[in-house]
Amino acid sequence: MIHLFYTGYGWLVFALTFGASLVANLLTNHFMDERYYDTHKWPLGAALFIAGSLCNIVVAVLNHGKTRKMLDLESGKIVELHRHQNTFFFIPMKWWGIILMIIGGFLAIRELF
């Protein structure tokens, strides 16, 4: 049943986001007040930004050398085919990195103003 929400290594989006958020929570509990993580949004924003960066690194490693270039005879254009699709909630993993970085950056910068 859970497999419906991801394909390939898409489950890493959840694992990286959960792990980065957990580490941010533990670090703020250790170095700050125990309620700091709940009252301030920048630690979560930093965690999401880091998780997004890690997703981009994982996608780059997974896709390195795994594409095939083929010539489309009808259009004359070269087409790249990826062997495996890594999606989470039907969104490709390469877009999750960007989505998490934008949300994380927004949360971190929002606290400044």
N, C-alpha and C. Protein backbone atom coordinates (compact mmCIF):
# COMPACT_ATOMS: atom_id res chain seq x y z
N MET A 1 0.81 -1.19 0.00
CA MET A 1 0.00 0.00 0.00
C MET A 1 0.86 1.27 0.00
N ILE A 2 1.94 1.26 0.77
CA ILE A 2 2.81 2.44 0.83
C ILE A 2 3.52 2.64 -0.50
N HIS A 3 3.75 1.56 -1.22
CA HIS A 3 4.47 1.64 -2.49
C HIS A 3 3.73 2.50 -3.51
N LEU A 4 2.46 2.77 -3.31
CA LEU A 4 1.71 3.62 -4.23
C LEU A 4 2.18 5.07 -4.20
N PHE A 5 2.83 5.48 -3.12
CA PHE A 5 3.23 6.86 -2.98
C PHE A 5 4.62 7.16 -3.50
N TYR A 6 5.37 6.14 -3.84
CA TYR A 6 6.71 6.38 -4.36
C TYR A 6 7.06 5.31 -5.39
N THR A 7 8.00 5.64 -6.25
CA THR A 7 8.58 4.67 -7.16
C THR A 7 10.09 4.81 -7.09
N GLY A 8 10.78 3.72 -7.29
CA GLY A 8 12.24 3.74 -7.25
C GLY A 8 12.76 4.16 -5.88
N TYR A 9 13.64 5.15 -5.88
CA TYR A 9 14.21 5.65 -4.64
C TYR A 9 13.47 6.89 -4.13
N GLY A 10 12.24 7.07 -4.52
CA GLY A 10 11.45 8.23 -4.08
C GLY A 10 11.23 8.27 -2.58
N TRP A 11 11.30 7.12 -1.92
CA TRP A 11 11.14 7.09 -0.46
C TRP A 11 12.23 7.88 0.25
N LEU A 12 13.36 8.12 -0.44
CA LEU A 12 14.44 8.89 0.17
C LEU A 12 14.05 10.34 0.44
N VAL A 13 13.08 10.87 -0.30
CA VAL A 13 12.61 12.23 -0.05
C VAL A 13 12.05 12.31 1.37
N PHE A 14 11.20 11.36 1.73
CA PHE A 14 10.64 11.32 3.08
C PHE A 14 11.73 11.09 4.12
N ALA A 15 12.61 10.13 3.85
CA ALA A 15 13.65 9.78 4.82
C ALA A 15 14.60 10.95 5.07
N LEU A 16 15.02 11.63 4.01
CA LEU A 16 15.93 12.77 4.17
C LEU A 16 15.25 13.94 4.87
N THR A 17 13.99 14.20 4.53
CA THR A 17 13.26 15.30 5.17
C THR A 17 13.03 15.00 6.65
N PHE A 18 12.61 13.78 6.95
CA PHE A 18 12.38 13.40 8.34
C PHE A 18 13.69 13.43 9.13
N GLY A 19 14.75 12.89 8.55
CA GLY A 19 16.04 12.87 9.24
C GLY A 19 16.59 14.25 9.50
N ALA A 20 16.52 15.15 8.51
CA ALA A 20 17.02 16.50 8.70
C ALA A 20 16.20 17.26 9.74
N SER A 21 14.88 17.06 9.73
CA SER A 21 14.03 17.71 10.72
C SER A 21 14.29 17.18 12.12
N LEU A 22 14.52 15.89 12.23
CA LEU A 22 14.82 15.28 13.53
C LEU A 22 16.14 15.81 14.09
N VAL A 23 17.15 15.88 13.23
CA VAL A 23 18.45 16.40 13.67
C VAL A 23 18.33 17.86 14.09
N ALA A 24 17.59 18.66 13.33
CA ALA A 24 17.39 20.07 13.69
C ALA A 24 16.67 20.18 15.03
N ASN A 25 15.68 19.35 15.26
CA ASN A 25 14.94 19.36 16.52
C ASN A 25 15.85 18.97 17.68
N LEU A 26 16.64 17.92 17.51
CA LEU A 26 17.54 17.48 18.57
C LEU A 26 18.62 18.51 18.87
N LEU A 27 19.16 19.15 17.82
CA LEU A 27 20.19 20.17 18.04
C LEU A 27 19.63 21.40 18.75
N THR A 28 18.44 21.84 18.36
CA THR A 28 17.87 23.00 19.04
C THR A 28 17.45 22.67 20.47
N ASN A 29 17.03 21.44 20.71
CA ASN A 29 16.72 21.04 22.09
C ASN A 29 17.98 21.00 22.95
N HIS A 30 19.09 20.62 22.35
CA HIS A 30 20.33 20.50 23.11
C HIS A 30 20.97 21.86 23.37
N PHE A 31 21.03 22.71 22.35
CA PHE A 31 21.74 23.98 22.48
C PHE A 31 20.85 25.15 22.87
N MET A 32 19.55 25.05 22.67
CA MET A 32 18.62 26.13 22.99
C MET A 32 17.62 25.62 24.01
N ASP A 33 16.57 26.40 24.18
CA ASP A 33 15.46 26.00 25.04
C ASP A 33 14.71 24.84 24.37
N GLU A 34 14.08 24.00 25.17
CA GLU A 34 13.38 22.84 24.60
C GLU A 34 12.18 23.24 23.74
N ARG A 35 11.64 24.41 23.93
CA ARG A 35 10.50 24.86 23.12
C ARG A 35 10.94 25.74 21.94
N TYR A 36 12.22 25.90 21.74
CA TYR A 36 12.73 26.77 20.69
C TYR A 36 12.31 26.29 19.31
N TYR A 37 12.40 24.99 19.07
CA TYR A 37 12.03 24.44 17.76
C TYR A 37 10.56 24.67 17.45
N ASP A 38 9.72 24.63 18.49
CA ASP A 38 8.28 24.82 18.30
C ASP A 38 7.91 26.29 18.10
N THR A 39 8.68 27.19 18.68
CA THR A 39 8.33 28.61 18.61
C THR A 39 9.03 29.36 17.48
N HIS A 40 10.09 28.81 16.93
CA HIS A 40 10.82 29.46 15.84
C HIS A 40 10.78 28.57 14.61
N LYS A 41 10.65 29.18 13.45
CA LYS A 41 10.51 28.41 12.21
C LYS A 41 11.82 28.25 11.44
N TRP A 42 12.86 29.01 11.79
CA TRP A 42 14.09 28.91 11.00
C TRP A 42 14.78 27.57 11.13
N PRO A 43 14.73 26.85 12.28
CA PRO A 43 15.37 25.53 12.28
C PRO A 43 14.71 24.54 11.31
N LEU A 44 13.38 24.59 11.23
CA LEU A 44 12.68 23.74 10.28
C LEU A 44 13.01 24.17 8.85
N GLY A 45 13.08 25.48 8.62
CA GLY A 45 13.45 25.97 7.29
C GLY A 45 14.85 25.52 6.88
N ALA A 46 15.79 25.59 7.82
CA ALA A 46 17.15 25.13 7.53
C ALA A 46 17.16 23.63 7.26
N ALA A 47 16.38 22.87 8.04
CA ALA A 47 16.31 21.42 7.84
C ALA A 47 15.73 21.08 6.47
N LEU A 48 14.68 21.78 6.06
CA LEU A 48 14.09 21.53 4.74
C LEU A 48 15.04 21.92 3.63
N PHE A 49 15.77 23.01 3.81
CA PHE A 49 16.75 23.43 2.80
C PHE A 49 17.85 22.39 2.67
N ILE A 50 18.33 21.87 3.80
CA ILE A 50 19.37 20.84 3.77
C ILE A 50 18.82 19.56 3.14
N ALA A 51 17.59 19.17 3.48
CA ALA A 51 16.99 17.98 2.90
C ALA A 51 16.84 18.13 1.39
N GLY A 52 16.45 19.31 0.94
CA GLY A 52 16.34 19.56 -0.49
C GLY A 52 17.69 19.47 -1.19
N SER A 53 18.72 20.00 -0.55
CA SER A 53 20.07 19.91 -1.11
C SER A 53 20.52 18.46 -1.20
N LEU A 54 20.24 17.69 -0.15
CA LEU A 54 20.60 16.27 -0.17
C LEU A 54 19.83 15.51 -1.24
N CYS A 55 18.56 15.87 -1.45
CA CYS A 55 17.77 15.24 -2.53
C CYS A 55 18.41 15.52 -3.89
N ASN A 56 18.87 16.76 -4.10
CA ASN A 56 19.51 17.09 -5.37
C ASN A 56 20.80 16.30 -5.56
N ILE A 57 21.56 16.11 -4.48
CA ILE A 57 22.79 15.32 -4.58
C ILE A 57 22.47 13.86 -4.90
N VAL A 58 21.46 13.31 -4.24
CA VAL A 58 21.07 11.91 -4.48
C VAL A 58 20.60 11.74 -5.93
N VAL A 59 19.82 12.67 -6.43
CA VAL A 59 19.35 12.59 -7.82
C VAL A 59 20.53 12.64 -8.79
N ALA A 60 21.49 13.51 -8.52
CA ALA A 60 22.66 13.61 -9.39
C ALA A 60 23.45 12.30 -9.39
N VAL A 61 23.58 11.68 -8.22
CA VAL A 61 24.31 10.42 -8.14
C VAL A 61 23.53 9.30 -8.83
N LEU A 62 22.22 9.25 -8.62
CA LEU A 62 21.41 8.19 -9.23
C LEU A 62 21.34 8.31 -10.74
N ASN A 63 21.30 9.52 -11.26
CA ASN A 63 21.14 9.72 -12.69
C ASN A 63 22.45 9.78 -13.45
N HIS A 64 23.57 9.73 -12.74
CA HIS A 64 24.87 9.82 -13.40
C HIS A 64 25.09 8.61 -14.30
N GLY A 65 25.16 8.85 -15.59
CA GLY A 65 25.45 7.80 -16.55
C GLY A 65 24.31 6.82 -16.78
N LYS A 66 23.11 7.13 -16.36
CA LYS A 66 22.01 6.19 -16.53
C LYS A 66 21.01 6.65 -17.59
N THR A 67 21.43 7.52 -18.47
CA THR A 67 20.53 7.95 -19.54
C THR A 67 21.03 7.38 -20.87
N ARG A 68 20.08 7.20 -21.75
CA ARG A 68 20.41 6.76 -23.10
C ARG A 68 19.97 7.85 -24.06
N LYS A 69 20.81 8.17 -24.99
CA LYS A 69 20.48 9.15 -26.01
C LYS A 69 20.09 8.40 -27.27
N MET A 70 18.92 8.79 -27.79
CA MET A 70 18.41 8.14 -29.00
C MET A 70 17.99 9.22 -29.99
N LEU A 71 18.04 8.90 -31.25
CA LEU A 71 17.65 9.82 -32.30
C LEU A 71 16.22 9.53 -32.72
N ASP A 72 15.35 10.54 -32.59
CA ASP A 72 13.98 10.42 -33.04
C ASP A 72 13.96 10.65 -34.55
N LEU A 73 13.60 9.63 -35.30
CA LEU A 73 13.67 9.73 -36.76
C LEU A 73 12.65 10.69 -37.35
N GLU A 74 11.51 10.85 -36.68
CA GLU A 74 10.48 11.74 -37.22
C GLU A 74 10.85 13.21 -37.04
N SER A 75 11.37 13.57 -35.87
CA SER A 75 11.69 14.98 -35.62
C SER A 75 13.15 15.30 -35.87
N GLY A 76 14.01 14.30 -35.87
CA GLY A 76 15.43 14.53 -36.07
C GLY A 76 16.13 15.02 -34.82
N LYS A 77 15.46 14.98 -33.68
CA LYS A 77 16.05 15.47 -32.44
C LYS A 77 16.59 14.30 -31.62
N ILE A 78 17.58 14.63 -30.79
CA ILE A 78 18.13 13.64 -29.87
C ILE A 78 17.31 13.67 -28.59
N VAL A 79 16.87 12.50 -28.14
CA VAL A 79 16.02 12.37 -26.96
C VAL A 79 16.79 11.58 -25.91
N GLU A 80 16.74 12.07 -24.65
CA GLU A 80 17.38 11.35 -23.55
C GLU A 80 16.32 10.53 -22.80
N LEU A 81 16.60 9.27 -22.61
CA LEU A 81 15.69 8.38 -21.89
C LEU A 81 16.33 7.99 -20.56
N HIS A 82 15.59 8.15 -19.48
CA HIS A 82 16.06 7.73 -18.16
C HIS A 82 15.56 6.33 -17.90
N ARG A 83 16.40 5.52 -17.32
CA ARG A 83 16.03 4.13 -17.08
C ARG A 83 15.06 3.97 -15.92
N HIS A 84 15.25 4.73 -14.86
CA HIS A 84 14.41 4.58 -13.68
C HIS A 84 13.77 5.90 -13.31
N GLN A 85 12.53 5.85 -12.89
CA GLN A 85 11.84 7.02 -12.39
C GLN A 85 11.79 6.94 -10.88
N ASN A 86 12.22 7.99 -10.22
CA ASN A 86 12.18 8.07 -8.77
C ASN A 86 11.19 9.17 -8.41
N THR A 87 10.00 8.78 -7.95
CA THR A 87 8.96 9.76 -7.63
C THR A 87 8.48 9.58 -6.20
N PHE A 88 7.97 10.66 -5.64
CA PHE A 88 7.35 10.65 -4.33
C PHE A 88 6.06 11.44 -4.47
N PHE A 89 4.95 10.82 -4.17
CA PHE A 89 3.62 11.39 -4.41
C PHE A 89 3.49 11.87 -5.86
N PHE A 90 3.95 11.04 -6.78
CA PHE A 90 3.83 11.26 -8.23
C PHE A 90 4.61 12.45 -8.75
N ILE A 91 5.48 13.04 -7.92
CA ILE A 91 6.34 14.15 -8.33
C ILE A 91 7.76 13.60 -8.42
N PRO A 92 8.46 13.84 -9.54
CA PRO A 92 9.83 13.33 -9.67
C PRO A 92 10.74 13.87 -8.56
N MET A 93 11.67 13.04 -8.15
CA MET A 93 12.55 13.38 -7.03
C MET A 93 13.39 14.62 -7.32
N LYS A 94 13.71 14.87 -8.58
CA LYS A 94 14.52 16.05 -8.89
C LYS A 94 13.76 17.34 -8.57
N TRP A 95 12.43 17.30 -8.66
CA TRP A 95 11.66 18.49 -8.32
C TRP A 95 11.47 18.65 -6.82
N TRP A 96 11.49 17.54 -6.06
CA TRP A 96 11.35 17.63 -4.61
C TRP A 96 12.50 18.40 -4.00
N GLY A 97 13.70 18.24 -4.53
CA GLY A 97 14.84 19.01 -4.02
C GLY A 97 14.60 20.50 -4.13
N ILE A 98 14.08 20.92 -5.27
CA ILE A 98 13.81 22.34 -5.49
C ILE A 98 12.66 22.81 -4.61
N ILE A 99 11.61 22.00 -4.51
CA ILE A 99 10.44 22.37 -3.68
C ILE A 99 10.86 22.53 -2.23
N LEU A 100 11.62 21.57 -1.70
CA LEU A 100 12.04 21.64 -0.30
C LEU A 100 12.96 22.83 -0.05
N MET A 101 13.84 23.13 -0.99
CA MET A 101 14.74 24.27 -0.81
C MET A 101 13.98 25.59 -0.82
N ILE A 102 12.97 25.72 -1.67
CA ILE A 102 12.18 26.95 -1.72
C ILE A 102 11.38 27.13 -0.43
N ILE A 103 10.72 26.07 0.02
CA ILE A 103 9.93 26.16 1.26
C ILE A 103 10.86 26.43 2.44
N GLY A 104 11.97 25.72 2.52
CA GLY A 104 12.92 25.93 3.61
C GLY A 104 13.51 27.33 3.61
N GLY A 105 13.86 27.82 2.44
CA GLY A 105 14.39 29.19 2.36
C GLY A 105 13.34 30.22 2.77
N PHE A 106 12.11 29.99 2.36
CA PHE A 106 11.03 30.91 2.73
C PHE A 106 10.83 30.93 4.24
N LEU A 107 10.81 29.76 4.88
CA LEU A 107 10.62 29.70 6.32
C LEU A 107 11.78 30.34 7.08
N ALA A 108 13.00 30.12 6.60
CA ALA A 108 14.16 30.68 7.28
C ALA A 108 14.23 32.20 7.12
N ILE A 109 13.93 32.70 5.94
CA ILE A 109 14.00 34.15 5.70
C ILE A 109 12.82 34.86 6.33
N ARG A 110 11.67 34.21 6.37
CA ARG A 110 10.47 34.82 6.95
C ARG A 110 10.67 35.20 8.42
N GLU A 111 11.47 34.41 9.13
CA GLU A 111 11.72 34.68 10.54
C GLU A 111 12.54 35.97 10.72
N LEU A 112 13.31 36.33 9.72
CA LEU A 112 14.14 37.53 9.85
C LEU A 112 13.31 38.82 9.80
N PHE A 113 12.18 38.77 9.11
CA PHE A 113 11.39 40.01 8.93
C PHE A 113 10.20 39.99 9.80
